[in-house]
């Protein structure tokens, strides 16, 4: 009896490998979205105005969307770090939504928006390709 218990390996509740990177990046981009959303809510004149852009929208509404998406991304990223399937699915949806929001924000801050879009692509790839191995 003691031989069987001594040969078993303990499995960590934390994910490892690619999902560790994707979950961590989801948390980091979520925190960045919280900062950007808060800045848009507190002082929406901080962003450059584009009067003749096809996707014209209120920066206060965009700030609320960024803030909410950021908070949910931090939660989903933490769940993905724990290897939870629901968190990976929510993370994929939130990263896709983030890509759309950043696309509409390209005229205001093009380099920042393209950087976040690229990070979202990597996050989606990492969350979608994770396979949990049986112990």
N, C-alpha and C. Protein backbone atom coordinates (compact mmCIF):
# COMPACT_ATOMS: atom_id res chain seq x y z
N UNK A 1 0.82 -1.19 0.00
CA UNK A 1 0.00 0.00 0.00
C UNK A 1 0.86 1.25 0.00
N UNK A 2 1.91 1.25 0.78
CA UNK A 2 2.76 2.42 0.84
C UNK A 2 3.58 2.59 -0.43
N UNK A 3 3.82 1.50 -1.18
CA UNK A 3 4.56 1.61 -2.43
C UNK A 3 3.76 2.39 -3.47
N UNK A 4 2.44 2.18 -3.50
CA UNK A 4 1.61 2.86 -4.47
C UNK A 4 1.53 4.36 -4.18
N UNK A 5 1.42 4.72 -2.95
CA UNK A 5 1.31 6.13 -2.61
C UNK A 5 2.63 6.86 -2.78
N UNK A 6 3.73 6.17 -2.61
CA UNK A 6 5.02 6.83 -2.73
C UNK A 6 5.44 7.05 -4.18
N UNK A 7 4.88 6.25 -5.11
CA UNK A 7 5.26 6.40 -6.52
C UNK A 7 4.38 7.38 -7.27
N UNK A 8 3.28 7.79 -6.69
CA UNK A 8 2.41 8.77 -7.36
C UNK A 8 3.06 10.14 -7.36
N UNK A 9 2.91 10.84 -8.47
CA UNK A 9 3.42 12.20 -8.55
C UNK A 9 2.31 13.17 -8.19
N UNK A 10 2.69 14.19 -7.51
CA UNK A 10 1.71 15.22 -7.18
C UNK A 10 1.53 16.13 -8.39
N UNK A 11 0.29 16.43 -8.69
CA UNK A 11 -0.03 17.29 -9.82
C UNK A 11 -0.31 18.69 -9.30
N UNK A 12 0.35 19.67 -9.88
CA UNK A 12 0.16 21.05 -9.48
C UNK A 12 -1.19 21.55 -9.98
N UNK A 13 -1.90 22.34 -9.18
CA UNK A 13 -3.17 22.90 -9.66
C UNK A 13 -2.97 24.00 -10.70
N UNK A 14 -1.74 24.44 -10.90
CA UNK A 14 -1.46 25.50 -11.86
C UNK A 14 -1.12 24.91 -13.21
N UNK A 15 -1.52 25.57 -14.27
CA UNK A 15 -1.22 25.13 -15.62
C UNK A 15 0.25 25.39 -15.92
N UNK A 16 0.75 24.78 -16.97
CA UNK A 16 2.15 24.99 -17.33
C UNK A 16 2.28 25.09 -18.85
N UNK A 17 3.42 25.54 -19.30
CA UNK A 17 3.69 25.61 -20.74
C UNK A 17 3.05 26.83 -21.40
N UNK A 18 2.48 26.58 -22.56
CA UNK A 18 1.92 27.66 -23.37
C UNK A 18 0.74 28.35 -22.69
N UNK A 19 -0.06 27.59 -21.96
CA UNK A 19 -1.20 28.20 -21.28
C UNK A 19 -0.74 29.15 -20.18
N UNK A 20 0.41 28.88 -19.61
CA UNK A 20 0.98 29.78 -18.60
C UNK A 20 1.28 31.14 -19.23
N UNK A 21 1.87 31.11 -20.42
CA UNK A 21 2.15 32.36 -21.13
C UNK A 21 0.86 33.07 -21.52
N UNK A 22 -0.09 32.33 -22.12
CA UNK A 22 -1.34 32.93 -22.59
C UNK A 22 -2.16 33.50 -21.42
N UNK A 23 -2.25 32.76 -20.33
CA UNK A 23 -2.99 33.24 -19.16
C UNK A 23 -2.34 34.46 -18.54
N UNK A 24 -1.01 34.42 -18.45
CA UNK A 24 -0.29 35.57 -17.92
C UNK A 24 -0.46 36.81 -18.78
N UNK A 25 -0.38 36.63 -20.09
CA UNK A 25 -0.56 37.77 -21.00
C UNK A 25 -2.00 38.28 -20.96
N UNK A 26 -2.96 37.38 -20.75
CA UNK A 26 -4.35 37.81 -20.63
C UNK A 26 -4.53 38.67 -19.39
N UNK A 27 -3.88 38.32 -18.31
CA UNK A 27 -3.94 39.13 -17.08
C UNK A 27 -3.27 40.48 -17.33
N UNK A 28 -2.10 40.47 -17.97
CA UNK A 28 -1.38 41.74 -18.21
C UNK A 28 -2.16 42.65 -19.14
N UNK A 29 -2.70 42.12 -20.24
CA UNK A 29 -3.47 42.98 -21.15
C UNK A 29 -4.76 43.45 -20.49
N UNK A 30 -5.31 42.64 -19.60
CA UNK A 30 -6.49 43.07 -18.85
C UNK A 30 -6.19 44.25 -17.95
N UNK A 31 -5.06 44.20 -17.27
CA UNK A 31 -4.65 45.32 -16.42
C UNK A 31 -4.42 46.57 -17.27
N UNK A 32 -3.78 46.40 -18.43
CA UNK A 32 -3.57 47.55 -19.32
C UNK A 32 -4.90 48.13 -19.80
N UNK A 33 -5.87 47.26 -20.10
CA UNK A 33 -7.19 47.75 -20.50
C UNK A 33 -7.87 48.50 -19.37
N UNK A 34 -7.68 48.06 -18.16
CA UNK A 34 -8.24 48.77 -17.02
C UNK A 34 -7.65 50.18 -16.94
N UNK A 35 -6.33 50.30 -17.11
CA UNK A 35 -5.70 51.62 -17.08
C UNK A 35 -6.19 52.52 -18.20
N UNK A 36 -6.26 51.97 -19.42
CA UNK A 36 -6.70 52.77 -20.57
C UNK A 36 -8.16 53.16 -20.42
N UNK A 37 -8.99 52.24 -19.95
CA UNK A 37 -10.41 52.55 -19.75
C UNK A 37 -10.62 53.60 -18.67
N UNK A 38 -9.84 53.50 -17.60
CA UNK A 38 -9.94 54.50 -16.53
C UNK A 38 -9.51 55.87 -17.03
N UNK A 39 -8.45 55.92 -17.83
CA UNK A 39 -8.01 57.21 -18.37
C UNK A 39 -9.08 57.81 -19.28
N UNK A 40 -9.75 56.97 -20.06
CA UNK A 40 -10.81 57.46 -20.95
C UNK A 40 -12.01 57.96 -20.14
N UNK A 41 -12.28 57.36 -19.00
CA UNK A 41 -13.41 57.79 -18.19
C UNK A 41 -13.11 59.06 -17.41
N UNK A 42 -11.92 59.15 -16.86
CA UNK A 42 -11.57 60.29 -16.02
C UNK A 42 -11.36 61.55 -16.85
N UNK A 43 -10.66 61.41 -17.96
CA UNK A 43 -10.34 62.59 -18.78
C UNK A 43 -10.31 62.18 -20.24
N UNK A 44 -11.47 62.21 -20.88
CA UNK A 44 -11.53 61.69 -22.25
C UNK A 44 -10.89 62.63 -23.29
N UNK A 45 -10.39 63.77 -22.87
CA UNK A 45 -9.67 64.64 -23.79
C UNK A 45 -8.22 64.21 -23.96
N UNK A 46 -7.82 63.17 -23.23
CA UNK A 46 -6.44 62.68 -23.30
C UNK A 46 -6.16 62.02 -24.65
N UNK A 47 -7.18 61.53 -25.32
CA UNK A 47 -7.01 60.84 -26.60
C UNK A 47 -7.23 61.81 -27.76
N UNK A 48 -6.49 61.60 -28.81
CA UNK A 48 -6.55 62.44 -29.98
C UNK A 48 -7.89 62.26 -30.68
N UNK A 49 -8.54 63.33 -31.01
CA UNK A 49 -9.81 63.26 -31.72
C UNK A 49 -9.62 63.08 -33.21
N UNK A 50 -10.49 62.30 -33.82
CA UNK A 50 -10.46 62.11 -35.27
C UNK A 50 -11.86 62.42 -35.80
N UNK A 51 -12.08 63.63 -36.28
CA UNK A 51 -13.44 64.05 -36.63
C UNK A 51 -14.03 63.35 -37.86
N UNK A 52 -13.22 62.88 -38.79
CA UNK A 52 -13.77 62.30 -40.01
C UNK A 52 -13.42 60.82 -40.14
N UNK A 53 -13.51 60.10 -39.07
CA UNK A 53 -13.22 58.67 -39.10
C UNK A 53 -14.52 57.90 -39.23
N UNK A 54 -14.47 56.81 -39.95
CA UNK A 54 -15.67 56.02 -40.23
C UNK A 54 -16.34 55.51 -38.96
N UNK A 55 -15.54 55.03 -37.99
CA UNK A 55 -16.07 54.50 -36.75
C UNK A 55 -15.99 55.55 -35.66
N UNK A 56 -16.86 56.53 -35.70
CA UNK A 56 -16.85 57.59 -34.70
C UNK A 56 -17.71 57.15 -33.51
N UNK A 57 -17.18 57.29 -32.30
CA UNK A 57 -17.88 56.86 -31.10
C UNK A 57 -17.51 57.73 -29.93
N UNK A 58 -18.29 57.64 -28.88
CA UNK A 58 -18.06 58.40 -27.67
C UNK A 58 -16.94 57.72 -26.86
N UNK A 59 -15.92 58.48 -26.50
CA UNK A 59 -14.79 57.91 -25.77
C UNK A 59 -15.16 57.47 -24.36
N UNK A 60 -16.20 58.05 -23.79
CA UNK A 60 -16.63 57.62 -22.46
C UNK A 60 -17.22 56.21 -22.54
N UNK A 61 -18.03 55.95 -23.54
CA UNK A 61 -18.57 54.60 -23.74
C UNK A 61 -17.47 53.60 -24.03
N UNK A 62 -16.49 54.02 -24.82
CA UNK A 62 -15.36 53.16 -25.13
C UNK A 62 -14.56 52.88 -23.86
N UNK A 63 -14.43 53.88 -22.99
CA UNK A 63 -13.71 53.69 -21.72
C UNK A 63 -14.40 52.67 -20.83
N UNK A 64 -15.74 52.72 -20.76
CA UNK A 64 -16.47 51.72 -19.97
C UNK A 64 -16.28 50.33 -20.55
N UNK A 65 -16.31 50.22 -21.87
CA UNK A 65 -16.11 48.92 -22.51
C UNK A 65 -14.71 48.37 -22.22
N UNK A 66 -13.70 49.24 -22.27
CA UNK A 66 -12.33 48.82 -21.97
C UNK A 66 -12.21 48.39 -20.51
N UNK A 67 -12.80 49.16 -19.61
CA UNK A 67 -12.73 48.85 -18.19
C UNK A 67 -13.38 47.50 -17.88
N UNK A 68 -14.57 47.27 -18.41
CA UNK A 68 -15.28 46.02 -18.17
C UNK A 68 -14.53 44.84 -18.80
N UNK A 69 -14.07 45.01 -20.02
CA UNK A 69 -13.31 43.93 -20.68
C UNK A 69 -12.02 43.65 -19.93
N UNK A 70 -11.37 44.68 -19.42
CA UNK A 70 -10.13 44.48 -18.66
C UNK A 70 -10.35 43.70 -17.39
N UNK A 71 -11.39 44.04 -16.64
CA UNK A 71 -11.68 43.32 -15.38
C UNK A 71 -12.00 41.85 -15.66
N UNK A 72 -12.83 41.61 -16.68
CA UNK A 72 -13.17 40.23 -17.03
C UNK A 72 -11.96 39.46 -17.55
N UNK A 73 -11.07 40.15 -18.26
CA UNK A 73 -9.87 39.49 -18.78
C UNK A 73 -8.93 39.08 -17.66
N UNK A 74 -8.81 39.90 -16.64
CA UNK A 74 -7.97 39.54 -15.49
C UNK A 74 -8.54 38.29 -14.82
N UNK A 75 -9.85 38.24 -14.63
CA UNK A 75 -10.48 37.07 -14.01
C UNK A 75 -10.31 35.82 -14.87
N UNK A 76 -10.54 35.96 -16.18
CA UNK A 76 -10.39 34.81 -17.09
C UNK A 76 -8.93 34.37 -17.17
N UNK A 77 -8.01 35.31 -17.14
CA UNK A 77 -6.59 34.96 -17.17
C UNK A 77 -6.18 34.17 -15.94
N UNK A 78 -6.68 34.57 -14.79
CA UNK A 78 -6.39 33.83 -13.57
C UNK A 78 -6.95 32.42 -13.66
N UNK A 79 -8.18 32.29 -14.16
CA UNK A 79 -8.78 30.97 -14.34
C UNK A 79 -8.01 30.13 -15.34
N UNK A 80 -7.52 30.74 -16.40
CA UNK A 80 -6.73 30.01 -17.40
C UNK A 80 -5.41 29.53 -16.80
N UNK A 81 -4.83 30.33 -15.92
CA UNK A 81 -3.61 29.90 -15.24
C UNK A 81 -3.86 28.68 -14.36
N UNK A 82 -5.08 28.53 -13.90
CA UNK A 82 -5.45 27.36 -13.11
C UNK A 82 -5.84 26.18 -14.00
N UNK A 83 -5.88 26.39 -15.33
CA UNK A 83 -6.19 25.32 -16.27
C UNK A 83 -7.67 25.06 -16.44
N UNK A 84 -8.52 26.01 -16.09
CA UNK A 84 -9.97 25.83 -16.17
C UNK A 84 -10.45 26.04 -17.61
N UNK A 85 -11.27 25.11 -18.09
CA UNK A 85 -11.74 25.16 -19.47
C UNK A 85 -12.62 26.37 -19.72
N UNK A 86 -13.53 26.67 -18.79
CA UNK A 86 -14.43 27.81 -19.00
C UNK A 86 -13.64 29.11 -19.12
N UNK A 87 -12.55 29.22 -18.38
CA UNK A 87 -11.75 30.44 -18.41
C UNK A 87 -11.05 30.58 -19.75
N UNK A 88 -10.63 29.46 -20.35
CA UNK A 88 -10.00 29.53 -21.67
C UNK A 88 -11.01 30.00 -22.71
N UNK A 89 -12.24 29.49 -22.63
CA UNK A 89 -13.27 29.90 -23.59
C UNK A 89 -13.63 31.38 -23.43
N UNK A 90 -13.79 31.82 -22.20
CA UNK A 90 -14.09 33.23 -21.93
C UNK A 90 -12.92 34.10 -22.37
N UNK A 91 -11.69 33.64 -22.13
CA UNK A 91 -10.51 34.39 -22.55
C UNK A 91 -10.43 34.55 -24.06
N UNK A 92 -10.80 33.52 -24.80
CA UNK A 92 -10.80 33.60 -26.26
C UNK A 92 -11.82 34.63 -26.73
N UNK A 93 -13.01 34.59 -26.14
CA UNK A 93 -14.06 35.55 -26.52
C UNK A 93 -13.63 36.98 -26.17
N UNK A 94 -13.08 37.17 -24.97
CA UNK A 94 -12.67 38.51 -24.54
C UNK A 94 -11.51 39.04 -25.39
N UNK A 95 -10.59 38.18 -25.77
CA UNK A 95 -9.48 38.62 -26.62
C UNK A 95 -9.99 38.99 -28.01
N UNK A 96 -10.95 38.24 -28.52
CA UNK A 96 -11.56 38.59 -29.80
C UNK A 96 -12.28 39.93 -29.73
N UNK A 97 -13.01 40.14 -28.64
CA UNK A 97 -13.69 41.42 -28.43
C UNK A 97 -12.69 42.56 -28.30
N UNK A 98 -11.59 42.29 -27.61
CA UNK A 98 -10.53 43.29 -27.46
C UNK A 98 -9.94 43.66 -28.82
N UNK A 99 -9.77 42.67 -29.68
CA UNK A 99 -9.24 42.96 -31.02
C UNK A 99 -10.16 43.90 -31.78
N UNK A 100 -11.46 43.67 -31.69
CA UNK A 100 -12.43 44.53 -32.38
C UNK A 100 -12.39 45.94 -31.80
N UNK A 101 -12.34 46.05 -30.47
CA UNK A 101 -12.28 47.37 -29.84
C UNK A 101 -11.01 48.11 -30.22
N UNK A 102 -9.89 47.40 -30.28
CA UNK A 102 -8.63 48.05 -30.65
C UNK A 102 -8.64 48.46 -32.12
N UNK A 103 -9.31 47.69 -32.96
CA UNK A 103 -9.41 48.06 -34.37
C UNK A 103 -10.13 49.39 -34.53
N UNK A 104 -11.18 49.59 -33.76
CA UNK A 104 -11.91 50.85 -33.84
C UNK A 104 -11.12 52.00 -33.24
N UNK A 105 -10.10 51.70 -32.44
CA UNK A 105 -9.31 52.72 -31.78
C UNK A 105 -8.01 53.06 -32.52
N UNK A 106 -7.76 52.41 -33.66
CA UNK A 106 -6.53 52.61 -34.41
C UNK A 106 -6.24 54.08 -34.73
N UNK A 107 -7.22 54.90 -35.15
CA UNK A 107 -6.89 56.29 -35.47
C UNK A 107 -6.43 57.11 -34.27
N UNK A 108 -6.82 56.73 -33.07
CA UNK A 108 -6.44 57.48 -31.88
C UNK A 108 -5.02 57.16 -31.45
N UNK A 109 -4.68 55.88 -31.38
CA UNK A 109 -3.34 55.42 -31.00
C UNK A 109 -3.00 54.19 -31.84
N UNK A 110 -2.48 54.40 -33.06
CA UNK A 110 -2.29 53.26 -33.97
C UNK A 110 -1.27 52.23 -33.51
N UNK A 111 -0.12 52.64 -33.00
CA UNK A 111 0.90 51.68 -32.61
C UNK A 111 0.43 50.85 -31.41
N UNK A 112 -0.16 51.52 -30.44
CA UNK A 112 -0.68 50.82 -29.26
C UNK A 112 -1.76 49.82 -29.66
N UNK A 113 -2.68 50.24 -30.51
CA UNK A 113 -3.77 49.37 -30.93
C UNK A 113 -3.25 48.15 -31.67
N UNK A 114 -2.32 48.34 -32.58
CA UNK A 114 -1.77 47.21 -33.34
C UNK A 114 -0.97 46.27 -32.43
N UNK A 115 -0.30 46.81 -31.43
CA UNK A 115 0.43 45.97 -30.48
C UNK A 115 -0.54 45.10 -29.68
N UNK A 116 -1.62 45.68 -29.20
CA UNK A 116 -2.60 44.92 -28.42
C UNK A 116 -3.30 43.88 -29.30
N UNK A 117 -3.59 44.23 -30.56
CA UNK A 117 -4.18 43.26 -31.48
C UNK A 117 -3.25 42.06 -31.67
N UNK A 118 -1.95 42.32 -31.84
CA UNK A 118 -0.98 41.24 -31.99
C UNK A 118 -0.92 40.37 -30.73
N UNK A 119 -0.94 40.99 -29.56
CA UNK A 119 -0.94 40.23 -28.30
C UNK A 119 -2.22 39.40 -28.17
N UNK A 120 -3.35 39.95 -28.59
CA UNK A 120 -4.60 39.21 -28.53
C UNK A 120 -4.57 37.97 -29.44
N UNK A 121 -3.94 38.10 -30.60
CA UNK A 121 -3.80 36.95 -31.49
C UNK A 121 -2.99 35.85 -30.81
N UNK A 122 -1.89 36.22 -30.18
CA UNK A 122 -1.04 35.24 -29.49
C UNK A 122 -1.80 34.61 -28.31
N UNK A 123 -2.56 35.40 -27.60
CA UNK A 123 -3.34 34.89 -26.46
C UNK A 123 -4.38 33.89 -26.95
N UNK A 124 -5.10 34.23 -28.01
CA UNK A 124 -6.11 33.31 -28.55
C UNK A 124 -5.46 32.01 -29.00
N UNK A 125 -4.32 32.11 -29.66
CA UNK A 125 -3.62 30.91 -30.11
C UNK A 125 -3.21 30.04 -28.92
N UNK A 126 -2.66 30.67 -27.89
CA UNK A 126 -2.24 29.92 -26.71
C UNK A 126 -3.40 29.26 -25.98
N UNK A 127 -4.50 29.98 -25.85
CA UNK A 127 -5.66 29.43 -25.15
C UNK A 127 -6.34 28.33 -25.96
N UNK A 128 -6.34 28.46 -27.27
CA UNK A 128 -7.03 27.50 -28.13
C UNK A 128 -6.24 26.21 -28.33
N UNK A 129 -4.93 26.26 -28.21
CA UNK A 129 -4.12 25.07 -28.49
C UNK A 129 -3.72 24.30 -27.24
N UNK A 130 -4.13 24.73 -26.07
CA UNK A 130 -3.76 24.06 -24.82
C UNK A 130 -4.44 22.70 -24.73
N UNK A 131 -3.67 21.69 -24.38
CA UNK A 131 -4.20 20.35 -24.14
C UNK A 131 -3.73 19.90 -22.76
N UNK A 132 -4.66 19.55 -21.92
CA UNK A 132 -4.31 19.06 -20.58
C UNK A 132 -3.97 17.57 -20.70
N UNK A 133 -2.81 17.25 -20.19
CA UNK A 133 -2.36 15.86 -20.22
C UNK A 133 -2.81 15.14 -18.96
N UNK A 134 -3.26 13.92 -19.13
CA UNK A 134 -3.69 13.13 -17.98
C UNK A 134 -2.49 12.71 -17.15
N UNK A 135 -2.58 12.77 -15.83
CA UNK A 135 -1.43 12.40 -14.99
C UNK A 135 -1.21 10.89 -14.98
